[in-house]
Full PDB file with SEQRES, HELIX, SHEET, SSBOND, CRYST1, ORIGX, SCALE, CONECT and MASTER records, all heavy atoms in Angstrom:
SEQRES   1 A   39  SER GLU MET VAL ARG VAL ASP LEU GLU ALA PRO MET LEU          
SEQRES   2 A   39  LEU SER ARG SER PHE LEU ARG VAL LEU ARG GLU THR LYS          
SEQRES   3 A   39  GLY SER ILE ILE ASN ILE SER SER VAL THR ALA LEU GLU          
HELIX    1 AA1 GLU A    2  VAL A    4  1                                   3    
HELIX    2 AA2 ARG A    5  GLU A    9  3                                   5    
HELIX    3 AA3 ALA A   10  THR A   25  1                                  16    
HELIX    4 AA4 VAL A   35  ALA A   37  5                                   3    
CRYST1    1.000    1.000    1.000  90.00  90.00  90.00 P 1           1          
ORIGX1      1.000000  0.000000  0.000000        0.00000                         
ORIGX2      0.000000  1.000000  0.000000        0.00000                         
ORIGX3      0.000000  0.000000  1.000000        0.00000                         
SCALE1      1.000000  0.000000  0.000000        0.00000                         
SCALE2      0.000000  1.000000  0.000000        0.00000                         
SCALE3      0.000000  0.000000  1.000000        0.00000                         
ATOM      1  N   SER A   1      12.335   7.905 -10.420  1.00  0.00           N  
ATOM      2  CA  SER A   1      11.237   7.188 -11.038  1.00  0.00           C  
ATOM      3  C   SER A   1      11.065   5.709 -10.374  1.00  0.00           C  
ATOM      4  O   SER A   1      10.014   5.210 -10.160  1.00  0.00           O  
ATOM      5  CB  SER A   1      11.586   6.888 -12.576  1.00  0.00           C  
ATOM      6  OG  SER A   1      11.412   8.011 -13.318  1.00  0.00           O  
ATOM      7  N   GLU A   2      12.317   5.089 -10.119  1.00  0.00           N  
ATOM      8  CA  GLU A   2      12.321   3.860  -9.458  1.00  0.00           C  
ATOM      9  C   GLU A   2      11.617   3.998  -8.118  1.00  0.00           C  
ATOM     10  O   GLU A   2      10.811   3.107  -7.692  1.00  0.00           O  
ATOM     11  CB  GLU A   2      13.654   3.301  -9.309  1.00  0.00           C  
ATOM     12  CG  GLU A   2      13.711   1.961  -8.638  1.00  0.00           C  
ATOM     13  CD  GLU A   2      15.172   1.466  -8.447  1.00  0.00           C  
ATOM     14  OE1 GLU A   2      16.033   2.111  -8.899  1.00  0.00           O  
ATOM     15  OE2 GLU A   2      15.325   0.475  -7.711  1.00  0.00           O  
ATOM     16  N   MET A   3      11.942   5.019  -7.186  1.00  0.00           N  
ATOM     17  CA  MET A   3      11.291   5.236  -6.000  1.00  0.00           C  
ATOM     18  C   MET A   3       9.808   5.450  -6.008  1.00  0.00           C  
ATOM     19  O   MET A   3       9.012   4.885  -5.345  1.00  0.00           O  
ATOM     20  CB  MET A   3      11.987   6.500  -5.258  1.00  0.00           C  
ATOM     21  CG  MET A   3      13.310   6.271  -4.698  1.00  0.00           C  
ATOM     22  SD  MET A   3      14.013   7.617  -3.698  1.00  0.00           S  
ATOM     23  CE  MET A   3      14.344   8.859  -4.923  1.00  0.00           C  
ATOM     24  N   VAL A   4       9.366   6.235  -7.063  1.00  0.00           N  
ATOM     25  CA  VAL A   4       7.936   6.448  -7.231  1.00  0.00           C  
ATOM     26  C   VAL A   4       7.162   5.139  -7.513  1.00  0.00           C  
ATOM     27  O   VAL A   4       6.117   4.881  -6.916  1.00  0.00           O  
ATOM     28  CB  VAL A   4       7.770   7.491  -8.379  1.00  0.00           C  
ATOM     29  CG1 VAL A   4       6.264   7.618  -8.758  1.00  0.00           C  
ATOM     30  CG2 VAL A   4       8.248   8.908  -8.053  1.00  0.00           C  
ATOM     31  N   ARG A   5       7.823   4.308  -8.214  1.00  0.00           N  
ATOM     32  CA  ARG A   5       7.034   3.044  -8.621  1.00  0.00           C  
ATOM     33  C   ARG A   5       7.089   2.046  -7.424  1.00  0.00           C  
ATOM     34  O   ARG A   5       5.984   1.503  -7.138  1.00  0.00           O  
ATOM     35  CB  ARG A   5       7.753   2.381  -9.770  1.00  0.00           C  
ATOM     36  CG  ARG A   5       7.556   3.068 -11.121  1.00  0.00           C  
ATOM     37  CD  ARG A   5       8.047   2.324 -12.329  1.00  0.00           C  
ATOM     38  NE  ARG A   5       7.869   3.125 -13.647  1.00  0.00           N  
ATOM     39  CZ  ARG A   5       8.091   2.571 -14.802  1.00  0.00           C  
ATOM     40  NH1 ARG A   5       8.428   1.270 -14.913  1.00  0.00           N  
ATOM     41  NH2 ARG A   5       7.769   3.227 -15.923  1.00  0.00           N  
ATOM     42  N   VAL A   6       8.175   1.920  -6.832  1.00  0.00           N  
ATOM     43  CA  VAL A   6       8.293   1.015  -5.722  1.00  0.00           C  
ATOM     44  C   VAL A   6       7.586   1.472  -4.480  1.00  0.00           C  
ATOM     45  O   VAL A   6       6.983   0.629  -3.680  1.00  0.00           O  
ATOM     46  CB  VAL A   6       9.725   0.475  -5.549  1.00  0.00           C  
ATOM     47  CG1 VAL A   6       9.884  -0.505  -4.295  1.00  0.00           C  
ATOM     48  CG2 VAL A   6      10.313  -0.168  -6.749  1.00  0.00           C  
ATOM     49  N   ASP A   7       7.808   2.713  -4.062  1.00  0.00           N  
ATOM     50  CA  ASP A   7       7.489   3.231  -2.776  1.00  0.00           C  
ATOM     51  C   ASP A   7       6.182   3.568  -2.639  1.00  0.00           C  
ATOM     52  O   ASP A   7       5.557   3.656  -1.559  1.00  0.00           O  
ATOM     53  CB  ASP A   7       8.479   4.368  -2.345  1.00  0.00           C  
ATOM     54  CG  ASP A   7       9.972   3.873  -2.147  1.00  0.00           C  
ATOM     55  OD1 ASP A   7      10.213   2.768  -2.158  1.00  0.00           O  
ATOM     56  OD2 ASP A   7      10.731   4.833  -2.191  1.00  0.00           O  
ATOM     57  N   LEU A   8       5.436   3.909  -3.780  1.00  0.00           N  
ATOM     58  CA  LEU A   8       4.109   4.576  -3.791  1.00  0.00           C  
ATOM     59  C   LEU A   8       3.228   3.938  -4.696  1.00  0.00           C  
ATOM     60  O   LEU A   8       2.029   3.467  -4.406  1.00  0.00           O  
ATOM     61  CB  LEU A   8       4.108   6.063  -3.923  1.00  0.00           C  
ATOM     62  CG  LEU A   8       2.861   6.670  -3.690  1.00  0.00           C  
ATOM     63  CD1 LEU A   8       2.195   6.427  -2.273  1.00  0.00           C  
ATOM     64  CD2 LEU A   8       2.977   8.310  -3.905  1.00  0.00           C  
ATOM     65  N   GLU A   9       3.554   3.820  -6.015  1.00  0.00           N  
ATOM     66  CA  GLU A   9       2.799   3.355  -7.077  1.00  0.00           C  
ATOM     67  C   GLU A   9       2.382   1.971  -6.832  1.00  0.00           C  
ATOM     68  O   GLU A   9       1.167   1.445  -6.914  1.00  0.00           O  
ATOM     69  CB  GLU A   9       3.255   3.384  -8.411  1.00  0.00           C  
ATOM     70  CG  GLU A   9       2.316   3.098  -9.642  1.00  0.00           C  
ATOM     71  CD  GLU A   9       3.005   3.353 -10.948  1.00  0.00           C  
ATOM     72  OE1 GLU A   9       4.082   3.783 -10.997  1.00  0.00           O  
ATOM     73  OE2 GLU A   9       2.268   3.039 -11.972  1.00  0.00           O  
ATOM     74  N   ALA A  10       3.372   1.022  -6.485  1.00  0.00           N  
ATOM     75  CA  ALA A  10       3.098  -0.409  -6.257  1.00  0.00           C  
ATOM     76  C   ALA A  10       2.022  -0.604  -5.085  1.00  0.00           C  
ATOM     77  O   ALA A  10       1.321  -1.448  -5.163  1.00  0.00           O  
ATOM     78  CB  ALA A  10       4.468  -1.071  -5.986  1.00  0.00           C  
ATOM     79  N   PRO A  11       2.325   0.064  -3.909  1.00  0.00           N  
ATOM     80  CA  PRO A  11       1.342  -0.241  -2.816  1.00  0.00           C  
ATOM     81  C   PRO A  11      -0.057   0.212  -3.212  1.00  0.00           C  
ATOM     82  O   PRO A  11      -1.014  -0.418  -2.836  1.00  0.00           O  
ATOM     83  CB  PRO A  11       1.868   0.751  -1.742  1.00  0.00           C  
ATOM     84  CG  PRO A  11       3.439   0.816  -1.932  1.00  0.00           C  
ATOM     85  CD  PRO A  11       3.418   0.838  -3.312  1.00  0.00           C  
ATOM     86  N   MET A  12      -0.110   1.267  -4.088  1.00  0.00           N  
ATOM     87  CA  MET A  12      -1.557   1.709  -4.511  1.00  0.00           C  
ATOM     88  C   MET A  12      -2.181   0.648  -5.342  1.00  0.00           C  
ATOM     89  O   MET A  12      -3.248   0.358  -5.220  1.00  0.00           O  
ATOM     90  CB  MET A  12      -1.387   3.068  -5.116  1.00  0.00           C  
ATOM     91  CG  MET A  12      -1.275   4.305  -4.364  1.00  0.00           C  
ATOM     92  SD  MET A  12      -1.074   5.738  -5.250  1.00  0.00           S  
ATOM     93  CE  MET A  12      -1.130   6.967  -3.994  1.00  0.00           C  
ATOM     94  N   LEU A  13      -1.335   0.128  -6.284  1.00  0.00           N  
ATOM     95  CA  LEU A  13      -1.955  -0.838  -7.198  1.00  0.00           C  
ATOM     96  C   LEU A  13      -2.259  -2.166  -6.577  1.00  0.00           C  
ATOM     97  O   LEU A  13      -3.296  -2.710  -6.870  1.00  0.00           O  
ATOM     98  CB  LEU A  13      -0.914  -1.068  -8.392  1.00  0.00           C  
ATOM     99  CG  LEU A  13      -0.817   0.105  -9.380  1.00  0.00           C  
ATOM    100  CD1 LEU A  13       0.321  -0.077 -10.242  1.00  0.00           C  
ATOM    101  CD2 LEU A  13      -2.134   0.458 -10.003  1.00  0.00           C  
ATOM    102  N   LEU A  14      -1.430  -2.583  -5.650  1.00  0.00           N  
ATOM    103  CA  LEU A  14      -1.635  -3.896  -4.928  1.00  0.00           C  
ATOM    104  C   LEU A  14      -2.845  -3.822  -3.964  1.00  0.00           C  
ATOM    105  O   LEU A  14      -3.671  -4.693  -3.913  1.00  0.00           O  
ATOM    106  CB  LEU A  14      -0.397  -4.270  -4.135  1.00  0.00           C  
ATOM    107  CG  LEU A  14       0.804  -4.837  -4.852  1.00  0.00           C  
ATOM    108  CD1 LEU A  14       2.070  -4.861  -4.024  1.00  0.00           C  
ATOM    109  CD2 LEU A  14       0.455  -6.217  -5.401  1.00  0.00           C  
ATOM    110  N   SER A  15      -2.942  -2.559  -3.309  1.00  0.00           N  
ATOM    111  CA  SER A  15      -4.071  -2.385  -2.472  1.00  0.00           C  
ATOM    112  C   SER A  15      -5.436  -2.393  -3.371  1.00  0.00           C  
ATOM    113  O   SER A  15      -6.480  -3.079  -2.971  1.00  0.00           O  
ATOM    114  CB  SER A  15      -4.037  -0.972  -1.811  1.00  0.00           C  
ATOM    115  OG  SER A  15      -2.898  -1.039  -0.942  1.00  0.00           O  
ATOM    116  N   ARG A  16      -5.447  -1.809  -4.516  1.00  0.00           N  
ATOM    117  CA  ARG A  16      -6.488  -1.837  -5.341  1.00  0.00           C  
ATOM    118  C   ARG A  16      -6.917  -3.171  -5.721  1.00  0.00           C  
ATOM    119  O   ARG A  16      -8.103  -3.650  -5.701  1.00  0.00           O  
ATOM    120  CB  ARG A  16      -6.210  -1.015  -6.630  1.00  0.00           C  
ATOM    121  CG  ARG A  16      -7.312  -1.007  -7.621  1.00  0.00           C  
ATOM    122  CD  ARG A  16      -6.910  -0.344  -8.905  1.00  0.00           C  
ATOM    123  NE  ARG A  16      -7.928  -0.307  -9.939  1.00  0.00           N  
ATOM    124  CZ  ARG A  16      -8.027  -1.243 -10.791  1.00  0.00           C  
ATOM    125  NH1 ARG A  16      -7.142  -2.178 -10.900  1.00  0.00           N  
ATOM    126  NH2 ARG A  16      -9.020  -1.191 -11.712  1.00  0.00           N  
ATOM    127  N   SER A  17      -5.893  -4.067  -5.900  1.00  0.00           N  
ATOM    128  CA  SER A  17      -6.148  -5.364  -6.455  1.00  0.00           C  
ATOM    129  C   SER A  17      -6.682  -6.270  -5.399  1.00  0.00           C  
ATOM    130  O   SER A  17      -7.507  -7.286  -5.648  1.00  0.00           O  
ATOM    131  CB  SER A  17      -4.785  -6.048  -7.007  1.00  0.00           C  
ATOM    132  OG  SER A  17      -4.429  -5.360  -8.134  1.00  0.00           O  
ATOM    133  N   PHE A  18      -6.353  -6.030  -4.127  1.00  0.00           N  
ATOM    134  CA  PHE A  18      -6.693  -6.999  -3.013  1.00  0.00           C  
ATOM    135  C   PHE A  18      -7.731  -6.558  -2.127  1.00  0.00           C  
ATOM    136  O   PHE A  18      -8.357  -7.215  -1.339  1.00  0.00           O  
ATOM    137  CB  PHE A  18      -5.501  -7.293  -2.059  1.00  0.00           C  
ATOM    138  CG  PHE A  18      -4.526  -8.224  -2.706  1.00  0.00           C  
ATOM    139  CD1 PHE A  18      -3.392  -7.728  -3.390  1.00  0.00           C  
ATOM    140  CD2 PHE A  18      -4.643  -9.640  -2.685  1.00  0.00           C  
ATOM    141  CE1 PHE A  18      -2.523  -8.621  -4.134  1.00  0.00           C  
ATOM    142  CE2 PHE A  18      -3.873 -10.553  -3.339  1.00  0.00           C  
ATOM    143  CZ  PHE A  18      -2.708  -9.956  -3.917  1.00  0.00           C  
ATOM    144  N   LEU A  19      -8.290  -5.260  -2.342  1.00  0.00           N  
ATOM    145  CA  LEU A  19      -9.280  -4.697  -1.441  1.00  0.00           C  
ATOM    146  C   LEU A  19     -10.550  -5.379  -1.405  1.00  0.00           C  
ATOM    147  O   LEU A  19     -11.188  -5.539  -0.278  1.00  0.00           O  
ATOM    148  CB  LEU A  19      -9.502  -3.193  -1.667  1.00  0.00           C  
ATOM    149  CG  LEU A  19      -8.796  -2.182  -0.940  1.00  0.00           C  
ATOM    150  CD1 LEU A  19      -8.897  -0.788  -1.350  1.00  0.00           C  
ATOM    151  CD2 LEU A  19      -9.289  -2.278   0.651  1.00  0.00           C  
ATOM    152  N   ARG A  20     -11.068  -5.719  -2.557  1.00  0.00           N  
ATOM    153  CA  ARG A  20     -12.410  -6.426  -2.511  1.00  0.00           C  
ATOM    154  C   ARG A  20     -12.443  -7.751  -1.720  1.00  0.00           C  
ATOM    155  O   ARG A  20     -13.333  -8.102  -0.976  1.00  0.00           O  
ATOM    156  CB  ARG A  20     -12.898  -6.610  -3.932  1.00  0.00           C  
ATOM    157  CG  ARG A  20     -13.337  -5.361  -4.539  1.00  0.00           C  
ATOM    158  CD  ARG A  20     -14.085  -5.695  -5.951  1.00  0.00           C  
ATOM    159  NE  ARG A  20     -14.665  -4.399  -6.475  1.00  0.00           N  
ATOM    160  CZ  ARG A  20     -14.020  -3.699  -7.345  1.00  0.00           C  
ATOM    161  NH1 ARG A  20     -12.791  -3.939  -7.622  1.00  0.00           N  
ATOM    162  NH2 ARG A  20     -14.691  -2.648  -7.756  1.00  0.00           N  
ATOM    163  N   VAL A  21     -11.172  -8.529  -1.880  1.00  0.00           N  
ATOM    164  CA  VAL A  21     -11.079  -9.656  -1.105  1.00  0.00           C  
ATOM    165  C   VAL A  21     -11.021  -9.577   0.297  1.00  0.00           C  
ATOM    166  O   VAL A  21     -11.569 -10.216   1.159  1.00  0.00           O  
ATOM    167  CB  VAL A  21      -9.934 -10.581  -1.662  1.00  0.00           C  
ATOM    168  CG1 VAL A  21      -9.695 -11.686  -0.820  1.00  0.00           C  
ATOM    169  CG2 VAL A  21     -10.217 -11.052  -3.159  1.00  0.00           C  
ATOM    170  N   LEU A  22     -10.238  -8.497   0.629  1.00  0.00           N  
ATOM    171  CA  LEU A  22      -9.976  -8.105   2.041  1.00  0.00           C  
ATOM    172  C   LEU A  22     -11.190  -7.693   2.756  1.00  0.00           C  
ATOM    173  O   LEU A  22     -11.411  -7.802   3.923  1.00  0.00           O  
ATOM    174  CB  LEU A  22      -8.833  -7.140   2.217  1.00  0.00           C  
ATOM    175  CG  LEU A  22      -7.418  -7.562   1.880  1.00  0.00           C  
ATOM    176  CD1 LEU A  22      -6.446  -6.393   1.750  1.00  0.00           C  
ATOM    177  CD2 LEU A  22      -6.910  -8.630   2.787  1.00  0.00           C  
ATOM    178  N   ARG A  23     -12.049  -7.110   2.054  1.00  0.00           N  
ATOM    179  CA  ARG A  23     -13.427  -6.692   2.595  1.00  0.00           C  
ATOM    180  C   ARG A  23     -14.168  -7.979   2.793  1.00  0.00           C  
ATOM    181  O   ARG A  23     -14.854  -7.976   3.896  1.00  0.00           O  
ATOM    182  CB  ARG A  23     -14.293  -5.875   1.478  1.00  0.00           C  
ATOM    183  CG  ARG A  23     -13.766  -4.464   1.391  1.00  0.00           C  
ATOM    184  CD  ARG A  23     -14.586  -3.721   0.473  1.00  0.00           C  
ATOM    185  NE  ARG A  23     -14.037  -2.308   0.221  1.00  0.00           N  
ATOM    186  CZ  ARG A  23     -14.565  -1.490  -0.721  1.00  0.00           C  
ATOM    187  NH1 ARG A  23     -15.588  -1.804  -1.466  1.00  0.00           N  
ATOM    188  NH2 ARG A  23     -14.081  -0.249  -0.777  1.00  0.00           N  
ATOM    189  N   GLU A  24     -14.175  -8.953   2.058  1.00  0.00           N  
ATOM    190  CA  GLU A  24     -14.806 -10.281   2.357  1.00  0.00           C  
ATOM    191  C   GLU A  24     -14.349 -10.934   3.451  1.00  0.00           C  
ATOM    192  O   GLU A  24     -15.197 -11.558   4.276  1.00  0.00           O  
ATOM    193  CB  GLU A  24     -14.789 -11.145   1.060  1.00  0.00           C  
ATOM    194  CG  GLU A  24     -15.394 -10.610  -0.163  1.00  0.00           C  
ATOM    195  CD  GLU A  24     -15.161 -11.466  -1.353  1.00  0.00           C  
ATOM    196  OE1 GLU A  24     -14.548 -12.449  -1.218  1.00  0.00           O  
ATOM    197  OE2 GLU A  24     -15.691 -11.206  -2.530  1.00  0.00           O  
ATOM    198  N   THR A  25     -13.044 -10.842   3.662  1.00  0.00           N  
ATOM    199  CA  THR A  25     -12.301 -11.583   4.816  1.00  0.00           C  
ATOM    200  C   THR A  25     -12.198 -10.649   6.060  1.00  0.00           C  
ATOM    201  O   THR A  25     -11.684 -11.163   7.174  1.00  0.00           O  
ATOM    202  CB  THR A  25     -10.945 -12.023   4.338  1.00  0.00           C  
ATOM    203  OG1 THR A  25     -10.173 -11.077   4.069  1.00  0.00           O  
ATOM    204  CG2 THR A  25     -11.154 -13.037   3.305  1.00  0.00           C  
ATOM    205  N   LYS A  26     -12.612  -9.328   5.954  1.00  0.00           N  
ATOM    206  CA  LYS A  26     -12.274  -8.440   7.020  1.00  0.00           C  
ATOM    207  C   LYS A  26     -10.878  -8.390   7.467  1.00  0.00           C  
ATOM    208  O   LYS A  26     -10.523  -8.461   8.580  1.00  0.00           O  
ATOM    209  CB  LYS A  26     -13.203  -8.560   8.173  1.00  0.00           C  
ATOM    210  CG  LYS A  26     -14.740  -8.247   7.909  1.00  0.00           C  
ATOM    211  CD  LYS A  26     -15.523  -8.567   9.188  1.00  0.00           C  
ATOM    212  CE  LYS A  26     -17.036  -7.912   8.995  1.00  0.00           C  
ATOM    213  NZ  LYS A  26     -17.690  -8.431   7.814  1.00  0.00           N  
ATOM    214  N   GLY A  27     -10.066  -8.354   6.390  1.00  0.00           N  
ATOM    215  CA  GLY A  27      -8.704  -8.377   6.549  1.00  0.00           C  
ATOM    216  C   GLY A  27      -7.905  -7.073   6.759  1.00  0.00           C  
ATOM    217  O   GLY A  27      -8.662  -6.115   7.153  1.00  0.00           O  
ATOM    218  N   SER A  28      -6.625  -7.049   6.490  1.00  0.00           N  
ATOM    219  CA  SER A  28      -5.863  -5.903   6.990  1.00  0.00           C  
ATOM    220  C   SER A  28      -4.920  -5.548   5.887  1.00  0.00           C  
ATOM    221  O   SER A  28      -4.384  -6.379   5.162  1.00  0.00           O  
ATOM    222  CB  SER A  28      -5.113  -6.142   8.226  1.00  0.00           C  
ATOM    223  OG  SER A  28      -5.917  -6.375   9.315  1.00  0.00           O  
ATOM    224  N   ILE A  29      -4.610  -4.200   5.641  1.00  0.00           N  
ATOM    225  CA  ILE A  29      -3.469  -3.732   4.931  1.00  0.00           C  
ATOM    226  C   ILE A  29      -2.488  -3.000   5.840  1.00  0.00           C  
ATOM    227  O   ILE A  29      -2.920  -2.194   6.702  1.00  0.00           O  
ATOM    228  CB  ILE A  29      -4.008  -2.837   3.901  1.00  0.00           C  
ATOM    229  CG1 ILE A  29      -4.781  -3.383   2.815  1.00  0.00           C  
ATOM    230  CG2 ILE A  29      -2.730  -2.127   3.188  1.00  0.00           C  
ATOM    231  CD1 ILE A  29      -5.422  -2.584   1.779  1.00  0.00           C  
ATOM    232  N   ILE A  30      -1.271  -3.507   5.906  1.00  0.00           N  
ATOM    233  CA  ILE A  30      -0.244  -2.789   6.657  1.00  0.00           C  
ATOM    234  C   ILE A  30       0.811  -2.158   5.663  1.00  0.00           C  
ATOM    235  O   ILE A  30       1.482  -2.800   4.894  1.00  0.00           O  
ATOM    236  CB  ILE A  30       0.342  -3.617   7.572  1.00  0.00           C  
ATOM    237  CG1 ILE A  30      -0.550  -4.184   8.666  1.00  0.00           C  
ATOM    238  CG2 ILE A  30       1.600  -3.017   8.274  1.00  0.00           C  
ATOM    239  CD1 ILE A  30       0.130  -5.181   9.692  1.00  0.00           C  
ATOM    240  N   ASN A  31       0.944  -0.828   5.846  1.00  0.00           N  
ATOM    241  CA  ASN A  31       1.844  -0.104   4.950  1.00  0.00           C  
ATOM    242  C   ASN A  31       3.097   0.276   5.747  1.00  0.00           C  
ATOM    243  O   ASN A  31       2.933   0.888   6.866  1.00  0.00           O  
ATOM    244  CB  ASN A  31       1.403   1.185   4.234  1.00  0.00           C  
ATOM    245  CG  ASN A  31       0.322   0.786   3.311  1.00  0.00           C  
ATOM    246  OD1 ASN A  31       0.376  -0.068   2.512  1.00  0.00           O  
ATOM    247  ND2 ASN A  31      -0.914   1.535   3.205  1.00  0.00           N  
ATOM    248  N   ILE A  32       4.423  -0.066   5.284  1.00  0.00           N  
ATOM    249  CA  ILE A  32       5.560   0.220   5.998  1.00  0.00           C  
ATOM    250  C   ILE A  32       6.057   1.673   5.475  1.00  0.00           C  
ATOM    251  O   ILE A  32       6.529   1.742   4.382  1.00  0.00           O  
ATOM    252  CB  ILE A  32       6.584  -0.835   5.828  1.00  0.00           C  
ATOM    253  CG1 ILE A  32       6.059  -2.143   6.297  1.00  0.00           C  
ATOM    254  CG2 ILE A  32       7.796  -0.420   6.772  1.00  0.00           C  
ATOM    255  CD1 ILE A  32       5.522  -2.194   7.713  1.00  0.00           C  
ATOM    256  N   SER A  33       5.729   2.704   6.172  1.00  0.00           N  
ATOM    257  CA  SER A  33       6.192   3.942   5.693  1.00  0.00           C  
ATOM    258  C   SER A  33       7.431   4.304   6.406  1.00  0.00           C  
ATOM    259  O   SER A  33       8.346   3.446   6.450  1.00  0.00           O  
ATOM    260  CB  SER A  33       5.026   5.078   6.082  1.00  0.00           C  
ATOM    261  OG  SER A  33       5.424   6.391   5.630  1.00  0.00           O  
ATOM    262  N   SER A  34       7.678   5.458   6.860  1.00  0.00           N  
ATOM    263  CA  SER A  34       8.937   5.898   7.407  1.00  0.00           C  
ATOM    264  C   SER A  34       8.770   7.156   8.266  1.00  0.00           C  
ATOM    265  O   SER A  34       7.885   7.925   8.042  1.00  0.00           O  
ATOM    266  CB  SER A  34       9.987   6.226   6.289  1.00  0.00           C  
ATOM    267  OG  SER A  34      11.087   6.919   6.745  1.00  0.00           O  
ATOM    268  N   VAL A  35       9.619   7.231   9.204  1.00  0.00           N  
ATOM    269  CA  VAL A  35       9.641   8.542  10.040  1.00  0.00           C  
ATOM    270  C   VAL A  35       9.766   9.752   9.169  1.00  0.00           C  
ATOM    271  O   VAL A  35       9.462  10.822   9.524  1.00  0.00           O  
ATOM    272  CB  VAL A  35      10.731   8.490  11.275  1.00  0.00           C  
ATOM    273  CG1 VAL A  35      12.099   8.575  10.568  1.00  0.00           C  
ATOM    274  CG2 VAL A  35      10.513   9.617  12.255  1.00  0.00           C  
ATOM    275  N   THR A  36      10.373   9.603   7.990  1.00  0.00           N  
ATOM    276  CA  THR A  36      10.597  10.714   7.026  1.00  0.00           C  
ATOM    277  C   THR A  36       9.303  11.230   6.488  1.00  0.00           C  
ATOM    278  O   THR A  36       9.283  12.364   5.970  1.00  0.00           O  
ATOM    279  CB  THR A  36      11.624  10.407   5.877  1.00  0.00           C  
ATOM    280  OG1 THR A  36      10.965   9.235   5.104  1.00  0.00           O  
ATOM    281  CG2 THR A  36      12.829   9.946   6.382  1.00  0.00           C  
ATOM    282  N   ALA A  37       8.243  10.566   6.759  1.00  0.00           N  
ATOM    283  CA  ALA A  37       6.872  10.966   6.305  1.00  0.00           C  
ATOM    284  C   ALA A  37       6.429  12.118   7.159  1.00  0.00           C  
ATOM    285  O   ALA A  37       5.526  12.820   6.776  1.00  0.00           O  
ATOM    286  CB  ALA A  37       5.842   9.878   6.355  1.00  0.00           C  
ATOM    287  N   LEU A  38       7.025  12.282   8.354  1.00  0.00           N  
ATOM    288  CA  LEU A  38       6.494  13.103   9.359  1.00  0.00           C  
ATOM    289  C   LEU A  38       7.317  14.429   9.448  1.00  0.00           C  
ATOM    290  O   LEU A  38       6.923  15.365  10.328  1.00  0.00           O  
ATOM    291  CB  LEU A  38       6.426  12.505  10.793  1.00  0.00           C  
ATOM    292  CG  LEU A  38       5.736  11.168  10.738  1.00  0.00           C  
ATOM    293  CD1 LEU A  38       5.832  10.546  12.147  1.00  0.00           C  
ATOM    294  CD2 LEU A  38       4.184  11.501  10.519  1.00  0.00           C  
ATOM    295  N   GLU A  39       8.394  14.532   8.837  1.00  0.00           N  
ATOM    296  CA  GLU A  39       9.291  15.706   9.028  1.00  0.00           C  
ATOM    297  C   GLU A  39      10.107  15.957   7.868  1.00  0.00           C  
ATOM    298  O   GLU A  39      10.286  15.115   6.976  1.00  0.00           O  
ATOM    299  CB  GLU A  39      10.144  15.387  10.309  1.00  0.00           C  
ATOM    300  CG  GLU A  39      10.938  14.131  10.022  1.00  0.00           C  
ATOM    301  CD  GLU A  39      11.547  13.636  11.298  1.00  0.00           C  
ATOM    302  OE1 GLU A  39      10.890  13.815  12.468  1.00  0.00           O  
ATOM    303  OE2 GLU A  39      12.624  13.031  11.267  1.00  0.00           O  
TER     304      GLU A  39                                                      
MASTER        0    0    0    4    0    0    0    6  303    1    0    3          
END                                                                             
């Protein structure tokens, strides 16, 4: 449960909260994933 919240749910919620502003500023979102995502 802790991993689900920190590793995926939190990035989704934060991105949702900041996206409209980042569109205005033509900003960026950088997600730090892992090589484990690929294999």
